[in-house]
PDB file of N, CA and C in Angstrom:
ATOM      1  N   MET A   1       4.682  53.072 -26.938  1.00  0.00           N
ATOM      2  CA  MET A   1       3.729  53.488 -28.275  1.00  0.00           C
ATOM      3  C   MET A   1       3.160  52.861 -28.510  1.00  0.00           C
ATOM      4  N   PRO A   2       1.954  52.792 -29.006  1.00  0.00           N
ATOM      5  CA  PRO A   2       1.120  51.371 -29.713  1.00  0.00           C
ATOM      6  C   PRO A   2       1.471  51.929 -31.072  1.00  0.00           C
ATOM      7  N   SER A   3       1.227  50.500 -31.605  1.00  0.00           N
ATOM      8  CA  SER A   3       2.137  50.236 -33.320  1.00  0.00           C
ATOM      9  C   SER A   3       0.642  50.672 -34.118  1.00  0.00           C
ATOM     10  N   GLU A   4      -0.481  50.433 -33.850  1.00  0.00           N
ATOM     11  CA  GLU A   4      -1.542  51.072 -34.489  1.00  0.00           C
ATOM     12  C   GLU A   4      -2.791  51.433 -33.348  1.00  0.00           C
ATOM     13  N   ILE A   5      -3.557  52.279 -34.037  1.00  0.00           N
ATOM     14  CA  ILE A   5      -4.699  52.632 -33.213  1.00  0.00           C
ATOM     15  C   ILE A   5      -5.852  51.649 -33.345  1.00  0.00           C
ATOM     16  N   ARG A   6      -6.736  51.444 -32.327  1.00  0.00           N
ATOM     17  CA  ARG A   6      -7.067  50.556 -32.293  1.00  0.00           C
ATOM     18  C   ARG A   6      -9.170  50.864 -32.862  1.00  0.00           C
ATOM     19  N   ALA A   7      -9.321  52.143 -32.986  1.00  0.00           N
ATOM     20  CA  ALA A   7     -10.515  52.692 -32.942  1.00  0.00           C
ATOM     21  C   ALA A   7      -9.962  53.912 -33.754  1.00  0.00           C
ATOM     22  N   PRO A   8     -11.191  54.357 -34.902  1.00  0.00           N
ATOM     23  CA  PRO A   8     -10.907  55.445 -35.653  1.00  0.00           C
ATOM     24  C   PRO A   8     -11.349  56.827 -34.536  1.00  0.00           C
ATOM     25  N   LEU A   9     -10.834  57.799 -34.906  1.00  0.00           N
ATOM     26  CA  LEU A   9     -10.486  59.180 -33.743  1.00  0.00           C
ATOM     27  C   LEU A   9     -12.201  59.530 -34.660  1.00  0.00           C
ATOM     28  N   ARG A  10     -12.922  59.701 -33.674  1.00  0.00           N
ATOM     29  CA  ARG A  10     -14.103  60.596 -33.558  1.00  0.00           C
ATOM     30  C   ARG A  10     -14.229  61.921 -32.881  1.00  0.00           C
ATOM     31  N   GLY A  11     -15.122  62.825 -33.536  1.00  0.00           N
ATOM     32  CA  GLY A  11     -15.836  64.002 -32.879  1.00  0.00           C
ATOM     33  C   GLY A  11     -14.825  64.645 -32.124  1.00  0.00           C
ATOM     34  N   LEU A  12     -14.231  64.975 -30.598  1.00  0.00           N
ATOM     35  CA  LEU A  12     -13.736  65.955 -30.440  1.00  0.00           C
ATOM     36  C   LEU A  12     -12.286  65.381 -30.365  1.00  0.00           C
ATOM     37  N   GLN A  13     -11.943  64.148 -30.626  1.00  0.00           N
ATOM     38  CA  GLN A  13     -10.612  63.577 -30.435  1.00  0.00           C
ATOM     39  C   GLN A  13     -10.092  64.039 -31.808  1.00  0.00           C
ATOM     40  N   LEU A  14     -10.627  63.931 -32.620  1.00  0.00           N
ATOM     41  CA  LEU A  14     -10.694  64.499 -34.197  1.00  0.00           C
ATOM     42  C   LEU A  14      -9.950  66.101 -34.459  1.00  0.00           C
ATOM     43  N   LYS A  15     -10.710  66.939 -33.934  1.00  0.00           N
ATOM     44  CA  LYS A  15     -11.322  68.249 -33.569  1.00  0.00           C
ATOM     45  C   LYS A  15      -9.947  68.655 -32.910  1.00  0.00           C
ATOM     46  N   ALA A  16      -9.494  67.871 -31.563  1.00  0.00           N
ATOM     47  CA  ALA A  16      -8.518  68.372 -31.161  1.00  0.00           C
ATOM     48  C   ALA A  16      -7.023  68.182 -31.954  1.00  0.00           C
ATOM     49  N   LEU A  17      -6.935  66.767 -32.340  1.00  0.00           N
ATOM     50  CA  LEU A  17      -5.740  66.719 -33.638  1.00  0.00           C
ATOM     51  C   LEU A  17      -5.481  67.658 -34.223  1.00  0.00           C
ATOM     52  N   ARG A  18      -6.513  67.955 -34.976  1.00  0.00           N
ATOM     53  CA  ARG A  18      -6.394  68.997 -36.073  1.00  0.00           C
ATOM     54  C   ARG A  18      -6.242  70.448 -35.265  1.00  0.00           C
ATOM     55  N   ALA A  19      -6.611  70.650 -34.303  1.00  0.00           N
ATOM     56  CA  ALA A  19      -6.228  71.957 -33.588  1.00  0.00           C
ATOM     57  C   ALA A  19      -4.442  72.127 -33.392  1.00  0.00           C
ATOM     58  N   CYS A  20      -4.437  70.967 -32.890  1.00  0.00           N
ATOM     59  CA  CYS A  20      -3.023  70.580 -32.337  1.00  0.00           C
ATOM     60  C   CYS A  20      -1.921  70.921 -33.216  1.00  0.00           C
ATOM     61  N   ALA A  21      -2.422  70.683 -34.866  1.00  0.00           N
ATOM     62  CA  ALA A  21      -1.616  70.850 -36.190  1.00  0.00           C
ATOM     63  C   ALA A  21      -1.916  72.667 -36.682  1.00  0.00           C
ATOM     64  N   LEU A  22      -2.476  73.180 -35.951  1.00  0.00           N
ATOM     65  CA  LEU A  22      -2.711  74.595 -36.383  1.00  0.00           C
ATOM     66  C   LEU A  22      -1.678  75.301 -35.550  1.00  0.00           C
ATOM     67  N   TYR A  23      -1.161  74.529 -34.569  1.00  0.00           N
ATOM     68  CA  TYR A  23       0.049  75.719 -33.833  1.00  0.00           C
ATOM     69  C   TYR A  23       1.306  74.805 -33.514  1.00  0.00           C
ATOM     70  N   PRO A  24       1.661  75.157 -34.704  1.00  0.00           N
ATOM     71  CA  PRO A  24       3.250  74.386 -34.781  1.00  0.00           C
ATOM     72  C   PRO A  24       3.974  74.468 -33.667  1.00  0.00           C
ATOM     73  N   GLN A  25       3.984  75.836 -33.234  1.00  0.00           N
ATOM     74  CA  GLN A  25       4.670  76.123 -31.982  1.00  0.00           C
ATOM     75  C   GLN A  25       4.638  75.798 -30.429  1.00  0.00           C
ATOM     76  N   GLY A  26       3.199  75.046 -30.753  1.00  0.00           N
ATOM     77  CA  GLY A  26       2.776  74.185 -29.586  1.00  0.00           C
ATOM     78  C   GLY A  26       1.329  74.667 -29.345  1.00  0.00           C
ATOM     79  N   MET A  27       0.753  73.949 -28.766  1.00  0.00           N
ATOM     80  CA  MET A  27      -0.791  74.278 -28.184  1.00  0.00           C
ATOM     81  C   MET A  27      -0.671  74.255 -26.883  1.00  0.00           C
ATOM     82  N   ARG A  28      -1.682  75.190 -26.413  1.00  0.00           N
ATOM     83  CA  ARG A  28      -1.428  75.308 -24.895  1.00  0.00           C
ATOM     84  C   ARG A  28      -1.918  74.336 -23.862  1.00  0.00           C
ATOM     85  N   HIS A  29      -1.263  74.022 -22.737  1.00  0.00           N
ATOM     86  CA  HIS A  29      -1.891  72.708 -22.251  1.00  0.00           C
ATOM     87  C   HIS A  29      -3.069  72.684 -21.634  1.00  0.00           C
ATOM     88  N   GLY A  30      -4.042  73.531 -21.639  1.00  0.00           N
ATOM     89  CA  GLY A  30      -5.340  73.686 -21.349  1.00  0.00           C
ATOM     90  C   GLY A  30      -6.440  73.371 -22.409  1.00  0.00           C
ATOM     91  N   ALA A  31      -5.950  73.208 -23.486  1.00  0.00           N
ATOM     92  CA  ALA A  31      -6.764  73.293 -24.459  1.00  0.00           C
ATOM     93  C   ALA A  31      -6.882  71.573 -24.853  1.00  0.00           C
ATOM     94  N   HIS A  32      -8.348  71.015 -24.625  1.00  0.00           N
ATOM     95  CA  HIS A  32      -9.094  70.066 -24.749  1.00  0.00           C
ATOM     96  C   HIS A  32      -8.519  69.137 -24.024  1.00  0.00           C
ATOM     97  N   PRO A  33      -8.590  69.373 -22.469  1.00  0.00           N
ATOM     98  CA  PRO A  33      -8.570  68.481 -21.374  1.00  0.00           C
ATOM     99  C   PRO A  33      -8.735  67.000 -20.681  1.00  0.00           C
ATOM    100  N   SER A  34      -9.773  66.776 -21.762  1.00  0.00           N
ATOM    101  CA  SER A  34     -10.175  65.415 -21.676  1.00  0.00           C
ATOM    102  C   SER A  34     -10.014  64.597 -22.875  1.00  0.00           C
ATOM    103  N   VAL A  35      -9.275  65.411 -23.806  1.00  0.00           N
ATOM    104  CA  VAL A  35      -9.034  64.777 -25.123  1.00  0.00           C
ATOM    105  C   VAL A  35      -7.708  64.213 -25.639  1.00  0.00           C
ATOM    106  N   MET A  36      -6.987  65.721 -24.976  1.00  0.00           N
ATOM    107  CA  MET A  36      -5.332  65.730 -25.334  1.00  0.00           C
ATOM    108  C   MET A  36      -4.581  63.974 -24.277  1.00  0.00           C
ATOM    109  N   PRO A  37      -4.993  64.084 -23.422  1.00  0.00           N
ATOM    110  CA  PRO A  37      -4.434  62.540 -22.719  1.00  0.00           C
ATOM    111  C   PRO A  37      -4.552  61.377 -23.432  1.00  0.00           C
ATOM    112  N   VAL A  38      -5.659  61.219 -24.108  1.00  0.00           N
ATOM    113  CA  VAL A  38      -6.034  60.231 -24.459  1.00  0.00           C
ATOM    114  C   VAL A  38      -5.153  59.958 -26.192  1.00  0.00           C
ATOM    115  N   LEU A  39      -5.197  61.352 -26.459  1.00  0.00           N
ATOM    116  CA  LEU A  39      -4.066  61.351 -27.942  1.00  0.00           C
ATOM    117  C   LEU A  39      -2.571  60.903 -27.659  1.00  0.00           C
ATOM    118  N   ARG A  40      -2.188  61.535 -26.431  1.00  0.00           N
ATOM    119  CA  ARG A  40      -0.966  61.631 -25.934  1.00  0.00           C
ATOM    120  C   ARG A  40      -0.646  60.044 -25.797  1.00  0.00           C
ATOM    121  N   ASP A  41      -1.814  59.041 -25.174  1.00  0.00           N
ATOM    122  CA  ASP A  41      -1.053  57.656 -25.023  1.00  0.00           C
ATOM    123  C   ASP A  41      -1.786  56.955 -26.395  1.00  0.00           C
ATOM    124  N   LEU A  42      -2.371  57.528 -27.083  1.00  0.00           N
ATOM    125  CA  LEU A  42      -2.065  56.780 -28.709  1.00  0.00           C
ATOM    126  C   LEU A  42      -1.289  57.192 -29.532  1.00  0.00           C
ATOM    127  N   GLY A  43      -0.347  57.985 -29.047  1.00  0.00           N
ATOM    128  CA  GLY A  43       0.821  58.356 -29.764  1.00  0.00           C
ATOM    129  C   GLY A  43       1.275  59.533 -30.665  1.00  0.00           C
ATOM    130  N   LEU A  44       0.217  60.183 -30.635  1.00  0.00           N
ATOM    131  CA  LEU A  44      -0.430  61.167 -31.650  1.00  0.00           C
ATOM    132  C   LEU A  44       0.016  62.661 -31.189  1.00  0.00           C
ATOM    133  N   VAL A  45      -0.117  62.789 -29.935  1.00  0.00           N
ATOM    134  CA  VAL A  45       0.899  64.192 -29.558  1.00  0.00           C
ATOM    135  C   VAL A  45       1.687  64.017 -28.158  1.00  0.00           C
ATOM    136  N   GLU A  46       2.286  64.982 -27.802  1.00  0.00           N
ATOM    137  CA  GLU A  46       3.316  64.615 -26.590  1.00  0.00           C
ATOM    138  C   GLU A  46       3.314  66.037 -26.292  1.00  0.00           C
ATOM    139  N   GLU A  47       3.506  66.078 -25.246  1.00  0.00           N
ATOM    140  CA  GLU A  47       3.763  67.294 -24.048  1.00  0.00           C
ATOM    141  C   GLU A  47       5.247  67.609 -24.050  1.00  0.00           C
ATOM    142  N   ARG A  48       5.293  68.909 -24.159  1.00  0.00           N
ATOM    143  CA  ARG A  48       6.970  69.238 -24.099  1.00  0.00           C
ATOM    144  C   ARG A  48       6.727  70.977 -23.233  1.00  0.00           C
ATOM    145  N   GLN A  49       8.088  70.982 -22.562  1.00  0.00           N
ATOM    146  CA  GLN A  49       8.283  72.561 -21.975  1.00  0.00           C
ATOM    147  C   GLN A  49       8.648  73.654 -23.004  1.00  0.00           C
ATOM    148  N   MET A  50       7.930  74.581 -22.911  1.00  0.00           N
ATOM    149  CA  MET A  50       8.104  75.934 -23.532  1.00  0.00           C
ATOM    150  C   MET A  50       9.142  76.610 -22.939  1.00  0.00           C
ATOM    151  N   ARG A  51       9.952  77.074 -23.909  1.00  0.00           N
ATOM    152  CA  ARG A  51      11.016  77.263 -24.184  1.00  0.00           C
ATOM    153  C   ARG A  51      11.202  78.832 -23.310  1.00  0.00           C
ATOM    154  N   GLY A  52      11.869  79.263 -22.330  1.00  0.00           N
ATOM    155  CA  GLY A  52      11.813  80.392 -21.729  1.00  0.00           C
ATOM    156  C   GLY A  52      10.672  80.100 -20.535  1.00  0.00           C
ATOM    157  N   GLN A  53       9.777  79.196 -20.736  1.00  0.00           N
ATOM    158  CA  GLN A  53       8.873  79.580 -19.184  1.00  0.00           C
ATOM    159  C   GLN A  53       8.915  77.901 -18.141  1.00  0.00           C
ATOM    160  N   ALA A  54       9.405  78.213 -16.813  1.00  0.00           N
ATOM    161  CA  ALA A  54       9.859  77.629 -16.791  1.00  0.00           C
ATOM    162  C   ALA A  54       8.129  76.793 -15.859  1.00  0.00           C
ATOM    163  N   GLY A  55       8.093  75.524 -16.459  1.00  0.00           N
ATOM    164  CA  GLY A  55       6.888  74.527 -16.010  1.00  0.00           C
ATOM    165  C   GLY A  55       5.628  74.927 -16.903  1.00  0.00           C
ATOM    166  N   LEU A  56       5.992  75.531 -17.344  1.00  0.00           N
ATOM    167  CA  LEU A  56       4.666  75.645 -18.503  1.00  0.00           C
ATOM    168  C   LEU A  56       4.700  74.270 -19.743  1.00  0.00           C
ATOM    169  N   LYS A  57       3.840  73.711 -19.760  1.00  0.00           N
ATOM    170  CA  LYS A  57       3.542  72.480 -21.392  1.00  0.00           C
ATOM    171  C   LYS A  57       2.605  72.915 -21.909  1.00  0.00           C
ATOM    172  N   LEU A  58       3.269  72.991 -23.109  1.00  0.00           N
ATOM    173  CA  LEU A  58       2.222  72.580 -24.535  1.00  0.00           C
ATOM    174  C   LEU A  58       2.259  71.444 -24.761  1.00  0.00           C
ATOM    175  N   TRP A  59       1.494  71.579 -26.049  1.00  0.00           N
ATOM    176  CA  TRP A  59       0.778  69.923 -26.638  1.00  0.00           C
ATOM    177  C   TRP A  59       1.687  69.993 -28.395  1.00  0.00           C
ATOM    178  N   PHE A  60       1.962  69.199 -28.826  1.00  0.00           N
ATOM    179  CA  PHE A  60       2.944  69.036 -29.907  1.00  0.00           C
ATOM    180  C   PHE A  60       2.507  67.578 -30.701  1.00  0.00           C
ATOM    181  N   LEU A  61       2.174  67.440 -32.012  1.00  0.00           N
ATOM    182  CA  LEU A  61       1.996  66.564 -32.830  1.00  0.00           C
ATOM    183  C   LEU A  61       3.351  65.495 -32.511  1.00  0.00           C
ATOM    184  N   THR A  62       3.049  64.636 -32.991  1.00  0.00           N
ATOM    185  CA  THR A  62       4.089  63.745 -33.378  1.00  0.00           C
ATOM    186  C   THR A  62       4.423  63.180 -34.590  1.00  0.00           C
ATOM    187  N   GLN A  63       5.028  62.513 -34.905  1.00  0.00           N
ATOM    188  CA  GLN A  63       5.265  62.378 -36.579  1.00  0.00           C
ATOM    189  C   GLN A  63       4.172  60.902 -36.542  1.00  0.00           C
ATOM    190  N   THR A  64       3.871  60.219 -35.929  1.00  0.00           N
ATOM    191  CA  THR A  64       2.306  59.376 -36.091  1.00  0.00           C
ATOM    192  C   THR A  64       1.092  60.461 -36.034  1.00  0.00           C
ATOM    193  N   GLY A  65       1.524  61.533 -35.570  1.00  0.00           N
ATOM    194  CA  GLY A  65      -0.076  62.339 -35.295  1.00  0.00           C
ATOM    195  C   GLY A  65      -0.145  63.231 -36.379  1.00  0.00           C
ATOM    196  N   ARG A  66       0.995  63.395 -37.209  1.00  0.00           N
ATOM    197  CA  ARG A  66       1.374  64.075 -38.526  1.00  0.00           C
ATOM    198  C   ARG A  66       0.584  63.009 -39.835  1.00  0.00           C
ATOM    199  N   GLU A  67       1.150  62.041 -39.712  1.00  0.00           N
ATOM    200  CA  GLU A  67       1.180  60.940 -40.954  1.00  0.00           C
ATOM    201  C   GLU A  67      -0.197  60.587 -40.671  1.00  0.00           C
ATOM    202  N   MET A  68      -1.026  60.663 -39.387  1.00  0.00           N
ATOM    203  CA  MET A  68      -2.393  59.956 -39.594  1.00  0.00           C
ATOM    204  C   MET A  68      -3.276  61.434 -39.966  1.00  0.00           C
ATOM    205  N   LEU A  69      -2.805  62.928 -39.931  1.00  0.00           N
ATOM    206  CA  LEU A  69      -3.644  64.236 -40.407  1.00  0.00           C
ATOM    207  C   LEU A  69      -3.601  63.964 -42.102  1.00  0.00           C
ATOM    208  N   ALA A  70      -2.062  63.942 -42.467  1.00  0.00           N
ATOM    209  CA  ALA A  70      -2.117  63.556 -43.840  1.00  0.00           C
ATOM    210  C   ALA A  70      -3.133  62.430 -44.583  1.00  0.00           C
ATOM    211  N   GLU A  71      -3.278  60.917 -44.069  1.00  0.00           N
ATOM    212  CA  GLU A  71      -4.104  60.461 -44.389  1.00  0.00           C
ATOM    213  C   GLU A  71      -5.810  61.052 -44.299  1.00  0.00           C
ATOM    214  N   ILE A  72      -6.134  61.220 -43.264  1.00  0.00           N
ATOM    215  CA  ILE A  72      -7.492  61.605 -42.807  1.00  0.00           C
ATOM    216  C   ILE A  72      -7.700  63.097 -43.626  1.00  0.00           C
ATOM    217  N   GLY A  73      -7.058  63.800 -43.843  1.00  0.00           N
ATOM    218  CA  GLY A  73      -6.863  65.469 -44.230  1.00  0.00           C
ATOM    219  C   GLY A  73      -6.911  66.833 -42.463  1.00  0.00           C
ATOM    220  N   ILE A  74      -6.801  67.471 -43.002  1.00  0.00           N
ATOM    221  CA  ILE A  74      -6.628  68.400 -41.693  1.00  0.00           C
ATOM    222  C   ILE A  74      -7.907  69.386 -41.756  1.00  0.00           C
ATOM    223  N   GLY A  75      -8.508  69.193 -42.566  1.00  0.00           N
ATOM    224  CA  GLY A  75      -9.509  70.679 -42.398  1.00  0.00           C
ATOM    225  C   GLY A  75     -10.902  69.451 -42.239  1.00  0.00           C
ATOM    226  N   GLU A  76     -12.051  70.394 -41.970  1.00  0.00           N
ATOM    227  CA  GLU A  76     -13.312  69.612 -41.827  1.00  0.00           C
ATOM    228  C   GLU A  76     -14.060  68.769 -43.106  1.00  0.00           C
ATOM    229  N   PRO A  77     -14.368  67.489 -43.084  1.00  0.00           N
ATOM    230  CA  PRO A  77     -14.941  66.858 -44.048  1.00  0.00           C
ATOM    231  C   PRO A  77     -16.146  68.008 -44.595  1.00  0.00           C
ATOM    232  N   LYS A  78     -16.475  68.119 -46.276  1.00  0.00           N
ATOM    233  CA  LYS A  78     -17.317  68.687 -46.228  1.00  0.00           C
ATOM    234  C   LYS A  78     -18.641  67.806 -46.459  1.00  0.00           C
ATOM    235  N   ASP A  79     -19.512  68.162 -46.496  1.00  0.00           N
ATOM    236  CA  ASP A  79     -20.993  67.295 -46.611  1.00  0.00           C
ATOM    237  C   ASP A  79     -21.791  67.964 -47.959  1.00  0.00           C
TER     238      ASP A  79
END
């Protein structure tokens, strides 16, 4: 896991991270397929098996992801 994120999250990455926070029981694995692997590689989300559903994976925020959202805010910025 990286110790720090090199570039700030923008656009779809930020939207996907915020969306993941809305689903504490896990966000479906097919959501934001182009962005979630990047967030995983940054250590902000992780994949886990869904209970009772063999082979079905969901996305969950990591502690690092929660801390980042606490800093930047979970809601969309108001212009």
